[in-house]
């Protein structure tokens, strides 16, 4: 209530939080952080920890980037595309799978037709039709 006796309704602005995205780092950024981390020579002064806190990084990233740099993989410092690697589609493989599908379909139809013919022969034999033998 305010000074005049009126009820004041306070509404909060509710926002939907966006889905978090995985952070990616450029090769230049990784090189700069590695250079700053290498400049921190004293292990006990906490300079590397301060650097990581300032940048919002984990020490495991620093270790991973150092290993990649040590192997000489400059391309490894660039962000990698996540997910399954695309498989090159071979037109022969596509044709083979199509033919296998058709073969399975035709085999099923042939089996159903044989069962139907056998049933017709048995029915004809039961009804006494001449010239038909039952199995």
N, C-alpha and C. Protein backbone atom coordinates (compact mmCIF):
# COMPACT_ATOMS: atom_id res chain seq x y z
N UNK A 1 0.84 -1.17 0.00
CA UNK A 1 0.00 0.00 0.00
C UNK A 1 0.89 1.23 0.00
N UNK A 2 0.42 2.26 -0.67
CA UNK A 2 1.19 3.49 -0.66
C UNK A 2 0.62 4.45 0.37
N UNK A 3 1.09 5.68 0.38
CA UNK A 3 0.70 6.66 1.40
C UNK A 3 -0.77 7.01 1.31
N UNK A 4 -1.39 6.88 0.15
CA UNK A 4 -2.79 7.26 0.01
C UNK A 4 -3.73 6.10 0.29
N UNK A 5 -3.18 4.92 0.61
CA UNK A 5 -4.03 3.78 0.93
C UNK A 5 -4.38 2.93 -0.27
N UNK A 6 -3.77 3.21 -1.40
CA UNK A 6 -4.04 2.41 -2.60
C UNK A 6 -3.06 1.22 -2.65
N UNK A 7 -3.54 0.12 -3.21
CA UNK A 7 -2.71 -1.06 -3.34
C UNK A 7 -1.89 -0.93 -4.62
N UNK A 8 -0.60 -1.09 -4.47
CA UNK A 8 0.30 -1.00 -5.61
C UNK A 8 0.76 -2.42 -5.96
N UNK A 9 0.53 -2.80 -7.22
CA UNK A 9 0.92 -4.12 -7.68
C UNK A 9 2.23 -3.98 -8.45
N UNK A 10 3.21 -4.72 -8.00
CA UNK A 10 4.51 -4.69 -8.66
C UNK A 10 4.64 -5.97 -9.48
N UNK A 11 4.82 -5.81 -10.76
CA UNK A 11 4.98 -6.99 -11.63
C UNK A 11 6.45 -7.11 -12.01
N UNK A 12 6.92 -8.31 -11.94
CA UNK A 12 8.30 -8.55 -12.33
C UNK A 12 8.35 -8.92 -13.80
N UNK A 13 9.39 -8.47 -14.42
CA UNK A 13 9.59 -8.79 -15.83
C UNK A 13 10.26 -10.16 -15.90
N UNK A 14 9.45 -11.17 -16.22
CA UNK A 14 9.97 -12.53 -16.28
C UNK A 14 10.43 -12.80 -17.70
N UNK A 15 11.69 -13.21 -17.81
CA UNK A 15 12.24 -13.51 -19.12
C UNK A 15 12.65 -14.96 -19.16
N UNK A 16 12.46 -15.55 -20.31
CA UNK A 16 12.87 -16.92 -20.50
C UNK A 16 14.36 -16.91 -20.84
N UNK A 17 15.12 -17.70 -20.12
CA UNK A 17 16.56 -17.76 -20.36
C UNK A 17 16.81 -18.58 -21.61
N UNK A 18 17.65 -18.05 -22.47
CA UNK A 18 17.96 -18.75 -23.72
C UNK A 18 18.76 -20.01 -23.42
N UNK A 19 18.68 -20.95 -24.32
CA UNK A 19 19.43 -22.19 -24.17
C UNK A 19 20.92 -21.87 -24.21
N UNK A 20 21.67 -22.39 -23.24
CA UNK A 20 23.10 -22.06 -23.21
C UNK A 20 23.82 -22.64 -24.41
N UNK A 21 24.76 -21.85 -24.93
CA UNK A 21 25.55 -22.29 -26.09
C UNK A 21 26.94 -22.65 -25.63
N UNK A 22 27.50 -23.65 -26.27
CA UNK A 22 28.88 -24.04 -25.98
C UNK A 22 29.80 -22.94 -26.48
N UNK A 23 30.74 -22.58 -25.63
CA UNK A 23 31.66 -21.50 -26.00
C UNK A 23 32.71 -22.03 -26.97
N UNK A 24 33.03 -21.23 -27.95
CA UNK A 24 34.11 -21.56 -28.88
C UNK A 24 35.12 -20.43 -28.83
N UNK A 25 36.37 -20.78 -29.03
CA UNK A 25 37.45 -19.81 -28.92
C UNK A 25 38.23 -19.80 -30.23
N UNK A 26 38.60 -18.61 -30.65
CA UNK A 26 39.38 -18.49 -31.88
C UNK A 26 40.82 -18.88 -31.60
N UNK A 27 41.54 -19.19 -32.66
CA UNK A 27 42.95 -19.56 -32.53
C UNK A 27 43.75 -18.39 -31.97
N UNK A 28 43.40 -17.19 -32.39
CA UNK A 28 44.12 -16.00 -31.89
C UNK A 28 43.92 -15.84 -30.38
N UNK A 29 42.69 -16.04 -29.92
CA UNK A 29 42.40 -15.93 -28.49
C UNK A 29 43.18 -16.99 -27.70
N UNK A 30 43.22 -18.22 -28.21
CA UNK A 30 43.94 -19.29 -27.54
C UNK A 30 45.43 -18.97 -27.45
N UNK A 31 45.99 -18.48 -28.56
CA UNK A 31 47.42 -18.13 -28.55
C UNK A 31 47.70 -17.01 -27.54
N UNK A 32 46.80 -16.02 -27.47
CA UNK A 32 47.00 -14.90 -26.54
C UNK A 32 46.95 -15.38 -25.10
N UNK A 33 46.00 -16.25 -24.78
CA UNK A 33 45.88 -16.76 -23.41
C UNK A 33 47.10 -17.62 -23.07
N UNK A 34 47.55 -18.43 -24.01
CA UNK A 34 48.74 -19.26 -23.76
C UNK A 34 49.97 -18.39 -23.54
N UNK A 35 50.07 -17.31 -24.30
CA UNK A 35 51.20 -16.39 -24.14
C UNK A 35 51.17 -15.74 -22.76
N UNK A 36 49.98 -15.31 -22.31
CA UNK A 36 49.84 -14.71 -20.99
C UNK A 36 50.13 -15.73 -19.89
N UNK A 37 49.66 -16.97 -20.09
CA UNK A 37 49.90 -18.00 -19.08
C UNK A 37 51.37 -18.35 -19.00
N UNK A 38 52.07 -18.36 -20.14
CA UNK A 38 53.50 -18.64 -20.14
C UNK A 38 54.29 -17.51 -19.47
N UNK A 39 53.75 -16.30 -19.52
CA UNK A 39 54.42 -15.16 -18.88
C UNK A 39 54.35 -15.27 -17.36
N UNK A 40 53.40 -16.01 -16.83
CA UNK A 40 53.28 -16.22 -15.39
C UNK A 40 54.27 -17.31 -15.00
N UNK A 41 55.45 -16.90 -14.53
CA UNK A 41 56.51 -17.88 -14.29
C UNK A 41 56.47 -18.46 -12.90
N UNK A 42 56.13 -17.73 -11.91
CA UNK A 42 56.16 -18.23 -10.54
C UNK A 42 54.93 -19.08 -10.28
N UNK A 43 55.11 -20.36 -9.88
CA UNK A 43 53.95 -21.23 -9.70
C UNK A 43 53.13 -20.89 -8.47
N UNK A 44 53.71 -20.29 -7.47
CA UNK A 44 52.97 -20.06 -6.23
C UNK A 44 52.30 -18.70 -6.13
N UNK A 45 52.46 -17.83 -7.10
CA UNK A 45 51.90 -16.48 -6.95
C UNK A 45 50.43 -16.38 -7.33
N UNK A 46 49.87 -17.41 -7.95
CA UNK A 46 48.45 -17.41 -8.27
C UNK A 46 48.08 -16.59 -9.49
N UNK A 47 49.08 -16.22 -10.29
CA UNK A 47 48.80 -15.40 -11.47
C UNK A 47 48.02 -16.18 -12.52
N UNK A 48 48.32 -17.45 -12.67
CA UNK A 48 47.59 -18.25 -13.66
C UNK A 48 46.14 -18.41 -13.23
N UNK A 49 45.92 -18.65 -11.94
CA UNK A 49 44.55 -18.75 -11.44
C UNK A 49 43.78 -17.47 -11.65
N UNK A 50 44.45 -16.32 -11.43
CA UNK A 50 43.80 -15.03 -11.65
C UNK A 50 43.46 -14.85 -13.13
N UNK A 51 44.38 -15.27 -13.99
CA UNK A 51 44.13 -15.17 -15.43
C UNK A 51 42.92 -16.02 -15.82
N UNK A 52 42.87 -17.26 -15.32
CA UNK A 52 41.75 -18.14 -15.65
C UNK A 52 40.43 -17.60 -15.12
N UNK A 53 40.44 -17.07 -13.90
CA UNK A 53 39.20 -16.49 -13.34
C UNK A 53 38.76 -15.27 -14.14
N UNK A 54 39.73 -14.43 -14.51
CA UNK A 54 39.40 -13.22 -15.28
C UNK A 54 38.76 -13.57 -16.62
N UNK A 55 39.28 -14.62 -17.27
CA UNK A 55 38.78 -15.00 -18.59
C UNK A 55 37.62 -15.98 -18.52
N UNK A 56 37.34 -16.53 -17.33
CA UNK A 56 36.25 -17.48 -17.19
C UNK A 56 36.57 -18.83 -17.81
N UNK A 57 37.82 -19.26 -17.67
CA UNK A 57 38.28 -20.51 -18.27
C UNK A 57 38.58 -21.54 -17.19
N UNK A 58 38.67 -22.79 -17.61
CA UNK A 58 39.07 -23.87 -16.73
C UNK A 58 40.52 -24.24 -17.04
N UNK A 59 41.21 -24.76 -16.05
CA UNK A 59 42.62 -25.11 -16.25
C UNK A 59 42.78 -26.24 -17.26
N UNK A 60 41.75 -27.09 -17.39
CA UNK A 60 41.83 -28.19 -18.35
C UNK A 60 41.91 -27.67 -19.78
N UNK A 61 41.26 -26.54 -20.05
CA UNK A 61 41.37 -25.95 -21.39
C UNK A 61 42.80 -25.51 -21.66
N UNK A 62 43.41 -24.91 -20.65
CA UNK A 62 44.79 -24.46 -20.79
C UNK A 62 45.71 -25.64 -21.08
N UNK A 63 45.50 -26.74 -20.37
CA UNK A 63 46.32 -27.94 -20.59
C UNK A 63 46.11 -28.48 -22.00
N UNK A 64 44.86 -28.53 -22.42
CA UNK A 64 44.54 -29.05 -23.76
C UNK A 64 45.16 -28.17 -24.84
N UNK A 65 45.07 -26.87 -24.68
CA UNK A 65 45.63 -25.95 -25.68
C UNK A 65 47.15 -26.05 -25.71
N UNK A 66 47.78 -26.24 -24.55
CA UNK A 66 49.24 -26.38 -24.51
C UNK A 66 49.67 -27.66 -25.21
N UNK A 67 48.95 -28.74 -25.01
CA UNK A 67 49.29 -30.00 -25.67
C UNK A 67 49.15 -29.86 -27.19
N UNK A 68 48.10 -29.21 -27.63
CA UNK A 68 47.90 -29.02 -29.07
C UNK A 68 49.02 -28.16 -29.65
N UNK A 69 49.41 -27.14 -28.91
CA UNK A 69 50.50 -26.28 -29.37
C UNK A 69 51.80 -27.07 -29.39
N UNK A 70 52.02 -27.93 -28.40
CA UNK A 70 53.23 -28.73 -28.33
C UNK A 70 53.34 -29.74 -29.46
N UNK A 71 52.21 -30.25 -29.92
CA UNK A 71 52.22 -31.19 -31.04
C UNK A 71 52.38 -30.46 -32.38
N UNK A 72 52.35 -29.15 -32.32
CA UNK A 72 52.50 -28.38 -33.56
C UNK A 72 51.22 -28.31 -34.36
N UNK A 73 50.12 -28.56 -33.72
CA UNK A 73 48.84 -28.54 -34.42
C UNK A 73 48.24 -27.14 -34.33
N UNK A 74 48.61 -26.31 -35.26
CA UNK A 74 48.03 -24.97 -35.26
C UNK A 74 46.55 -25.04 -35.60
N UNK A 75 46.19 -26.00 -36.43
CA UNK A 75 44.78 -26.15 -36.78
C UNK A 75 43.98 -26.63 -35.58
N UNK A 76 44.66 -27.29 -34.62
CA UNK A 76 43.96 -27.77 -33.43
C UNK A 76 43.55 -26.61 -32.53
N UNK A 77 44.18 -25.47 -32.70
CA UNK A 77 43.80 -24.32 -31.90
C UNK A 77 42.55 -23.63 -32.42
N UNK A 78 42.13 -23.97 -33.63
CA UNK A 78 40.90 -23.40 -34.18
C UNK A 78 39.71 -24.17 -33.63
N UNK A 79 38.54 -23.53 -33.52
CA UNK A 79 37.36 -24.26 -33.03
C UNK A 79 37.02 -25.42 -33.95
N UNK A 80 36.62 -26.54 -33.35
CA UNK A 80 36.28 -27.73 -34.13
C UNK A 80 34.78 -27.85 -34.26
N UNK A 81 34.36 -28.35 -35.39
CA UNK A 81 32.94 -28.60 -35.61
C UNK A 81 32.57 -29.86 -34.86
N UNK A 82 31.53 -29.77 -34.06
CA UNK A 82 31.09 -30.89 -33.26
C UNK A 82 30.14 -31.77 -34.05
N UNK A 83 29.98 -33.01 -33.57
CA UNK A 83 28.99 -33.90 -34.16
C UNK A 83 29.61 -34.98 -35.02
N UNK A 84 28.74 -35.76 -35.61
CA UNK A 84 29.15 -36.88 -36.44
C UNK A 84 29.77 -36.38 -37.74
N UNK A 85 30.83 -37.04 -38.15
CA UNK A 85 31.49 -36.67 -39.39
C UNK A 85 30.64 -37.13 -40.57
N UNK A 86 30.49 -36.29 -41.58
CA UNK A 86 29.68 -36.71 -42.73
C UNK A 86 30.37 -37.82 -43.50
N UNK A 87 29.61 -38.82 -43.87
CA UNK A 87 30.16 -39.91 -44.66
C UNK A 87 29.88 -39.65 -46.13
N UNK A 88 30.91 -39.79 -46.95
CA UNK A 88 30.67 -39.56 -48.38
C UNK A 88 29.74 -40.65 -48.92
N UNK A 89 28.75 -40.22 -49.66
CA UNK A 89 27.78 -41.18 -50.18
C UNK A 89 28.26 -41.70 -51.54
N UNK A 90 28.38 -43.00 -51.61
CA UNK A 90 28.79 -43.66 -52.84
C UNK A 90 27.53 -44.06 -53.59
N UNK A 91 27.41 -43.68 -54.85
CA UNK A 91 26.18 -44.03 -55.59
C UNK A 91 25.99 -45.54 -55.71
N UNK A 92 27.09 -46.31 -55.70
CA UNK A 92 26.96 -47.76 -55.77
C UNK A 92 26.34 -48.31 -54.49
N UNK A 93 26.73 -47.75 -53.34
CA UNK A 93 26.15 -48.20 -52.07
C UNK A 93 24.65 -47.91 -52.03
N UNK A 94 24.27 -46.74 -52.53
CA UNK A 94 22.85 -46.38 -52.57
C UNK A 94 22.09 -47.34 -53.47
N UNK A 95 22.68 -47.70 -54.61
CA UNK A 95 22.04 -48.62 -55.55
C UNK A 95 21.92 -50.01 -54.94
N UNK A 96 22.97 -50.44 -54.23
CA UNK A 96 22.94 -51.76 -53.59
C UNK A 96 21.85 -51.82 -52.54
N UNK A 97 21.74 -50.79 -51.72
CA UNK A 97 20.70 -50.80 -50.68
C UNK A 97 19.31 -50.78 -51.30
N UNK A 98 19.13 -50.06 -52.41
CA UNK A 98 17.84 -50.04 -53.10
C UNK A 98 17.50 -51.42 -53.65
N UNK A 99 18.49 -52.08 -54.25
CA UNK A 99 18.25 -53.42 -54.80
C UNK A 99 17.98 -54.44 -53.69
N UNK A 100 18.67 -54.31 -52.56
CA UNK A 100 18.40 -55.21 -51.43
C UNK A 100 16.99 -55.03 -50.91
N UNK A 101 16.53 -53.79 -50.86
CA UNK A 101 15.17 -53.52 -50.42
C UNK A 101 14.16 -54.14 -51.38
N UNK A 102 14.40 -53.98 -52.68
CA UNK A 102 13.50 -54.56 -53.67
C UNK A 102 13.51 -56.08 -53.60
N UNK A 103 14.69 -56.68 -53.39
CA UNK A 103 14.79 -58.14 -53.28
C UNK A 103 13.99 -58.65 -52.08
N UNK A 104 14.10 -57.97 -50.94
CA UNK A 104 13.35 -58.37 -49.75
C UNK A 104 11.85 -58.26 -50.00
N UNK A 105 11.44 -57.20 -50.69
CA UNK A 105 10.02 -57.01 -50.99
C UNK A 105 9.51 -58.11 -51.92
N UNK A 106 10.25 -58.43 -52.96
CA UNK A 106 9.83 -59.46 -53.91
C UNK A 106 9.86 -60.85 -53.27
N UNK A 107 10.83 -61.12 -52.41
CA UNK A 107 10.88 -62.41 -51.73
C UNK A 107 9.65 -62.60 -50.85
N UNK A 108 9.28 -61.55 -50.14
CA UNK A 108 8.07 -61.61 -49.31
C UNK A 108 6.83 -61.86 -50.14
N UNK A 109 6.73 -61.19 -51.28
CA UNK A 109 5.56 -61.39 -52.15
C UNK A 109 5.54 -62.82 -52.69
N UNK A 110 6.70 -63.37 -53.06
CA UNK A 110 6.76 -64.73 -53.59
C UNK A 110 6.36 -65.74 -52.53
N UNK A 111 6.80 -65.54 -51.30
CA UNK A 111 6.44 -66.46 -50.22
C UNK A 111 4.93 -66.43 -49.96
N UNK A 112 4.35 -65.23 -49.97
CA UNK A 112 2.90 -65.13 -49.77
C UNK A 112 2.14 -65.79 -50.91
N UNK A 113 2.64 -65.64 -52.14
CA UNK A 113 1.98 -66.26 -53.29
C UNK A 113 2.05 -67.79 -53.22
N UNK A 114 3.18 -68.33 -52.78
CA UNK A 114 3.30 -69.79 -52.64
C UNK A 114 2.32 -70.32 -51.60
N UNK A 115 2.19 -69.62 -50.49
CA UNK A 115 1.24 -70.04 -49.45
C UNK A 115 -0.18 -70.00 -50.00
N UNK A 116 -0.51 -68.98 -50.76
CA UNK A 116 -1.85 -68.86 -51.33
C UNK A 116 -2.12 -69.98 -52.34
N UNK A 117 -1.15 -70.30 -53.18
CA UNK A 117 -1.33 -71.38 -54.15
C UNK A 117 -1.50 -72.71 -53.44
N UNK A 118 -0.70 -72.97 -52.40
CA UNK A 118 -0.83 -74.21 -51.63
C UNK A 118 -2.22 -74.31 -51.00
N UNK A 119 -2.71 -73.20 -50.47
CA UNK A 119 -4.05 -73.21 -49.86
C UNK A 119 -5.11 -73.50 -50.91
N UNK A 120 -4.97 -72.93 -52.10
CA UNK A 120 -5.93 -73.18 -53.17
C UNK A 120 -5.90 -74.64 -53.60
N UNK A 121 -4.70 -75.25 -53.66
CA UNK A 121 -4.60 -76.66 -54.04
C UNK A 121 -5.27 -77.53 -52.99
N UNK A 122 -5.02 -77.23 -51.71
CA UNK A 122 -5.64 -78.02 -50.64
C UNK A 122 -7.16 -77.89 -50.66
N UNK A 123 -7.65 -76.69 -50.90
CA UNK A 123 -9.10 -76.47 -50.96
C UNK A 123 -9.71 -77.23 -52.13
N UNK A 124 -9.02 -77.19 -53.26
CA UNK A 124 -9.53 -77.91 -54.44
C UNK A 124 -9.54 -79.41 -54.18
N UNK A 125 -8.54 -79.92 -53.49
CA UNK A 125 -8.50 -81.36 -53.19
C UNK A 125 -9.61 -81.72 -52.21
N UNK A 126 -9.88 -80.86 -51.25
CA UNK A 126 -10.94 -81.15 -50.29
C UNK A 126 -12.32 -81.11 -50.94
N UNK A 127 -12.51 -80.26 -51.91
CA UNK A 127 -13.79 -80.14 -52.59
C UNK A 127 -13.95 -81.23 -53.65
N UNK A 128 -12.90 -81.97 -53.88
CA UNK A 128 -13.00 -83.09 -54.84
C UNK A 128 -12.87 -82.66 -56.27
N UNK A 129 -12.19 -81.60 -56.54
CA UNK A 129 -11.98 -81.20 -57.92
C UNK A 129 -10.99 -82.18 -58.57
N UNK A 130 -11.26 -82.65 -59.74
CA UNK A 130 -10.38 -83.60 -60.39
C UNK A 130 -9.11 -82.91 -60.92
N UNK A 131 -8.00 -83.63 -60.95
CA UNK A 131 -6.79 -83.12 -61.53
C UNK A 131 -5.92 -82.32 -60.57
N UNK A 132 -6.32 -82.15 -59.32
CA UNK A 132 -5.55 -81.37 -58.36
C UNK A 132 -5.18 -82.31 -57.23
N UNK A 133 -3.92 -82.30 -56.87
CA UNK A 133 -3.45 -83.12 -55.76
C UNK A 133 -3.11 -82.26 -54.59
N UNK A 134 -3.47 -82.72 -53.42
CA UNK A 134 -3.16 -81.95 -52.21
C UNK A 134 -1.74 -82.22 -51.76
N UNK A 135 -1.17 -81.30 -51.08
CA UNK A 135 0.19 -81.47 -50.57
C UNK A 135 0.21 -82.21 -49.28
